Protein backbone atom coordinates (compact mmCIF):
# COMPACT_ATOMS: atom_id res chain seq x y z
CA UNK A 1 30.54 -4.42 -0.83
CA UNK A 2 30.58 -7.83 -2.58
CA UNK A 3 29.59 -7.46 -6.25
CA UNK A 4 27.92 -10.87 -6.16
CA UNK A 5 25.73 -9.72 -3.28
CA UNK A 6 24.76 -6.57 -5.15
CA UNK A 7 23.99 -8.54 -8.30
CA UNK A 8 21.87 -11.09 -6.43
CA UNK A 9 19.99 -8.34 -4.57
CA UNK A 10 19.28 -6.60 -7.86
CA UNK A 11 17.87 -9.82 -9.31
CA UNK A 12 15.68 -10.32 -6.23
CA UNK A 13 14.33 -6.78 -6.51
CA UNK A 14 13.39 -7.54 -10.11
CA UNK A 15 11.59 -10.69 -8.97
CA UNK A 16 9.57 -8.56 -6.55
CA UNK A 17 8.02 -6.61 -9.42
CA UNK A 18 6.01 -9.45 -11.01
CA UNK A 19 5.13 -10.83 -7.55
CA UNK A 20 3.79 -7.44 -6.41
CA UNK A 21 2.04 -6.83 -9.73
CA UNK A 22 0.23 -10.20 -9.80
CA UNK A 23 -0.78 -10.09 -6.15
CA UNK A 24 -1.66 -6.38 -6.17
CA UNK A 25 -3.80 -6.61 -9.31
CA UNK A 26 -5.66 -9.64 -7.96
CA UNK A 27 -6.56 -7.76 -4.78
CA UNK A 28 -7.39 -4.68 -6.87
CA UNK A 29 -9.95 -6.81 -8.71
CA UNK A 30 -11.43 -7.85 -5.37
CA UNK A 31 -11.62 -4.16 -4.42
CA UNK A 32 -13.37 -3.46 -7.74
CA UNK A 33 -15.88 -6.22 -6.92
CA UNK A 34 -16.47 -4.61 -3.52
CA UNK A 35 -17.30 -1.37 -5.33
CA UNK A 36 -19.81 -3.18 -7.55
CA UNK A 37 -21.37 -4.74 -4.44
CA UNK A 38 -21.73 -1.32 -2.84
CA UNK A 39 -19.31 -2.04 0.00
CA UNK A 40 -17.04 0.82 -1.00
CA UNK A 41 -18.83 4.10 -1.54
CA UNK A 42 -16.06 5.75 -3.56
CA UNK A 43 -15.93 4.80 -7.22
CA UNK A 44 -13.20 2.58 -8.60
CA UNK A 45 -10.43 4.34 -10.51
CA UNK A 46 -7.02 3.73 -12.10
CA UNK A 47 -5.34 5.17 -8.99
CA UNK A 48 -6.81 2.39 -6.88
CA UNK A 49 -5.68 -0.14 -9.50
CA UNK A 50 -2.11 1.04 -8.85
CA UNK A 51 -2.45 1.40 -5.09
CA UNK A 52 -2.42 -2.30 -4.19
CA UNK A 53 0.56 -3.32 -6.39
CA UNK A 54 2.56 -0.38 -4.99
CA UNK A 55 1.57 -1.27 -1.41
CA UNK A 56 2.50 -4.91 -2.02
CA UNK A 57 5.86 -3.90 -3.51
CA UNK A 58 6.62 -1.74 -0.46
CA UNK A 59 5.79 -4.71 1.75
CA UNK A 60 8.18 -6.87 -0.25
CA UNK A 61 10.91 -4.27 0.16
CA UNK A 62 10.36 -4.36 3.94
CA UNK A 63 10.49 -8.18 3.80
CA UNK A 64 13.76 -8.20 1.85
CA UNK A 65 15.35 -5.49 4.01
CA UNK A 66 14.56 -7.36 7.23
CA UNK A 67 15.81 -10.65 5.79
CA UNK A 68 19.13 -9.11 4.79
CA UNK A 69 19.53 -7.14 8.02
CA UNK A 70 18.37 -9.93 10.37
CA UNK A 71 19.01 -13.28 8.64
CA UNK A 72 18.50 -15.41 11.77
CA UNK A 73 15.49 -17.68 11.20
CA UNK A 74 15.41 -19.65 14.47
CA UNK A 75 11.83 -18.61 15.24
CA UNK A 76 10.54 -20.34 12.10
CA UNK A 77 9.73 -23.36 14.29
CA UNK A 78 6.99 -21.33 16.00
CA UNK A 79 5.39 -20.02 12.79
CA UNK A 80 3.14 -23.04 12.21
CA UNK A 81 1.61 -22.68 15.68
CA UNK A 82 0.94 -19.01 15.03
CA UNK A 83 -0.53 -19.84 11.61
CA UNK A 84 -2.82 -22.42 13.18
CA UNK A 85 -3.95 -19.82 15.70
CA UNK A 86 -4.69 -17.43 12.84
CA UNK A 87 -6.55 -20.14 10.94
CA UNK A 88 -8.71 -20.75 13.99
CA UNK A 89 -9.39 -17.07 14.64
CA UNK A 90 -10.00 -16.35 10.96
CA UNK A 91 -12.39 -19.29 10.61
CA UNK A 92 -14.33 -18.07 13.63
CA UNK A 93 -14.46 -14.54 12.24
CA UNK A 94 -15.63 -15.82 8.87
CA UNK A 95 -18.28 -18.08 10.43
CA UNK A 96 -19.86 -15.25 12.40
CA UNK A 97 -19.47 -12.49 9.79
CA UNK A 98 -19.70 -14.25 6.41
CA UNK A 99 -22.79 -12.21 5.53
CA UNK A 100 -20.60 -9.08 5.48
CA UNK A 101 -18.96 -8.70 2.09
CA UNK A 102 -15.83 -6.99 3.38
CA UNK A 103 -15.32 -9.68 6.00
CA UNK A 104 -15.84 -12.44 3.44
CA UNK A 105 -13.29 -11.04 0.99
CA UNK A 106 -10.80 -10.20 3.74
CA UNK A 107 -10.76 -13.54 5.55
CA UNK A 108 -11.55 -16.16 2.87
CA UNK A 109 -8.55 -15.50 0.54
CA UNK A 110 -6.25 -15.23 3.56
CA UNK A 111 -7.44 -18.51 5.09
CA UNK A 112 -7.17 -20.42 1.81
CA UNK A 113 -3.71 -19.06 1.10
CA UNK A 114 -2.51 -19.59 4.68
CA UNK A 115 -3.66 -23.21 4.62
CA UNK A 116 -1.97 -23.78 1.26
CA UNK A 117 1.33 -22.19 2.27
CA UNK A 118 1.57 -24.07 5.56
CA UNK A 119 0.26 -27.49 4.55
CA UNK A 120 0.85 -27.89 0.80
CA UNK A 121 3.69 -25.56 -0.13
CA UNK A 122 7.27 -26.74 0.57
CA UNK A 123 8.91 -23.31 0.89
CA UNK A 124 9.48 -22.20 4.48
CA UNK A 125 9.31 -18.47 5.10
CA UNK A 126 6.35 -17.81 7.40
CA UNK A 127 8.31 -16.42 10.36
CA UNK A 128 9.91 -13.91 8.02
CA UNK A 129 6.51 -13.15 6.54
CA UNK A 130 4.98 -12.41 9.94
CA UNK A 131 7.95 -10.23 10.84
CA UNK A 132 7.54 -8.25 7.61
CA UNK A 133 3.77 -8.01 8.06
CA UNK A 134 3.98 -6.45 11.51
CA UNK A 135 6.73 -4.09 10.38
CA UNK A 136 4.77 -3.25 7.21
CA UNK A 137 1.65 -2.37 9.20
CA UNK A 138 3.11 1.10 9.69
CA UNK A 139 3.25 1.66 5.92
CA UNK A 140 -0.23 0.19 5.54
CA UNK A 141 -1.71 2.29 8.34
CA UNK A 142 -0.27 5.56 7.06
CA UNK A 143 -1.30 4.88 3.44
CA UNK A 144 -4.82 3.71 4.28
CA UNK A 145 -5.42 6.49 6.80
CA UNK A 146 -4.59 9.07 4.13
CA UNK A 147 -6.89 7.40 1.60
CA UNK A 148 -9.78 7.33 4.06
CA UNK A 149 -9.08 10.83 5.36
CA UNK A 150 -9.24 12.28 1.86
CA UNK A 151 -12.29 10.10 1.10
CA UNK A 152 -10.56 8.24 -1.68
CA UNK A 153 -11.83 5.02 -0.08
CA UNK A 154 -14.75 4.66 2.30
CA UNK A 155 -16.91 1.74 3.36
CA UNK A 156 -20.58 1.10 4.02
CA UNK A 157 -20.70 0.38 7.75
CA UNK A 158 -23.39 -2.30 7.39
CA UNK A 159 -21.06 -4.36 5.19
CA UNK A 160 -18.28 -4.36 7.79
CA UNK A 161 -17.90 -5.66 11.34
CA UNK A 162 -18.26 -2.03 12.52
CA UNK A 163 -14.96 -2.37 14.34
CA UNK A 164 -12.33 0.16 13.35
CA UNK A 165 -8.71 0.51 14.40
CA UNK A 166 -8.07 4.19 13.90
CA UNK A 167 -10.23 5.05 10.91
CA UNK A 168 -9.55 1.71 9.20
CA UNK A 169 -12.03 -1.21 9.31
CA UNK A 170 -10.68 -4.19 11.23
CA UNK A 171 -11.05 -6.45 8.19
CA UNK A 172 -8.68 -4.35 6.11
CA UNK A 173 -5.72 -5.41 8.24
CA UNK A 174 -6.39 -9.02 7.23
CA UNK A 175 -6.97 -7.98 3.63
CA UNK A 176 -3.47 -6.50 3.67
CA UNK A 177 -2.13 -9.66 5.30
CA UNK A 178 -3.59 -11.82 2.54
CA UNK A 179 -2.19 -9.57 -0.17
CA UNK A 180 1.28 -9.45 1.37
CA UNK A 181 1.31 -13.21 1.93
CA UNK A 182 0.41 -13.85 -1.70
CA UNK A 183 3.11 -11.41 -2.85
CA UNK A 184 5.79 -12.95 -0.63
CA UNK A 185 4.77 -16.47 -1.64
CA UNK A 186 5.07 -15.56 -5.33
CA UNK A 187 8.41 -13.86 -4.67
CA UNK A 188 9.74 -16.95 -2.90
CA UNK A 189 8.33 -19.19 -5.63
CA UNK A 190 10.00 -17.15 -8.39
CA UNK A 191 13.21 -17.08 -6.37
CA UNK A 192 13.15 -20.87 -5.87
CA UNK A 193 13.17 -21.27 -9.64
CA UNK A 194 16.50 -19.41 -9.54
CA UNK A 195 18.06 -21.35 -6.69
CA UNK A 196 21.51 -19.89 -7.28
CA UNK A 197 20.25 -16.60 -5.85
CA UNK A 198 19.96 -17.90 -2.29
CA UNK A 199 17.72 -19.69 0.16
CA UNK A 200 14.16 -18.82 1.09
CA UNK A 201 13.79 -15.44 2.71
CA UNK A 202 17.20 -13.99 1.89
């Protein structure tokens, strides 16, 4: 295999670490705030502090693997329409459920970040992000199901939409989306500062 490819991939993996750490710790702090607000009934701990950066890093690995394995980006032209659909759905969800803390902290960061990435940011990677998100849902579902099953994380029903997919509150899927989007955006931003390592997504 080409040594240049291996070297560039190694550099990109190293750029994933700060992206996952920054994004994961930010969303860990939100989780800590949810504990203080009584939304989560299980106390905050150092394990949870590590959980989100690790989950974000795994999502970035899925993103990078898919980009290398399937580099075609023709469907990027449809990503803005899908993002606009999400912005509309998310705004509606937030409008009707903003009194629920979990809903507020799941949808608001995602909507702000989604708007910024699509309408302010110049890097184009949203199709690849959506592809990685839907593929990464399997990792998210398995990890979160185990945490809830072993009562490491649980939620006060009155602070959620009371709509679960499996044992996981509906809002958590959007919480994961916001975290992964922030991690991928940071990864692409760091990578753009090292343009010699390739174009967005690869």
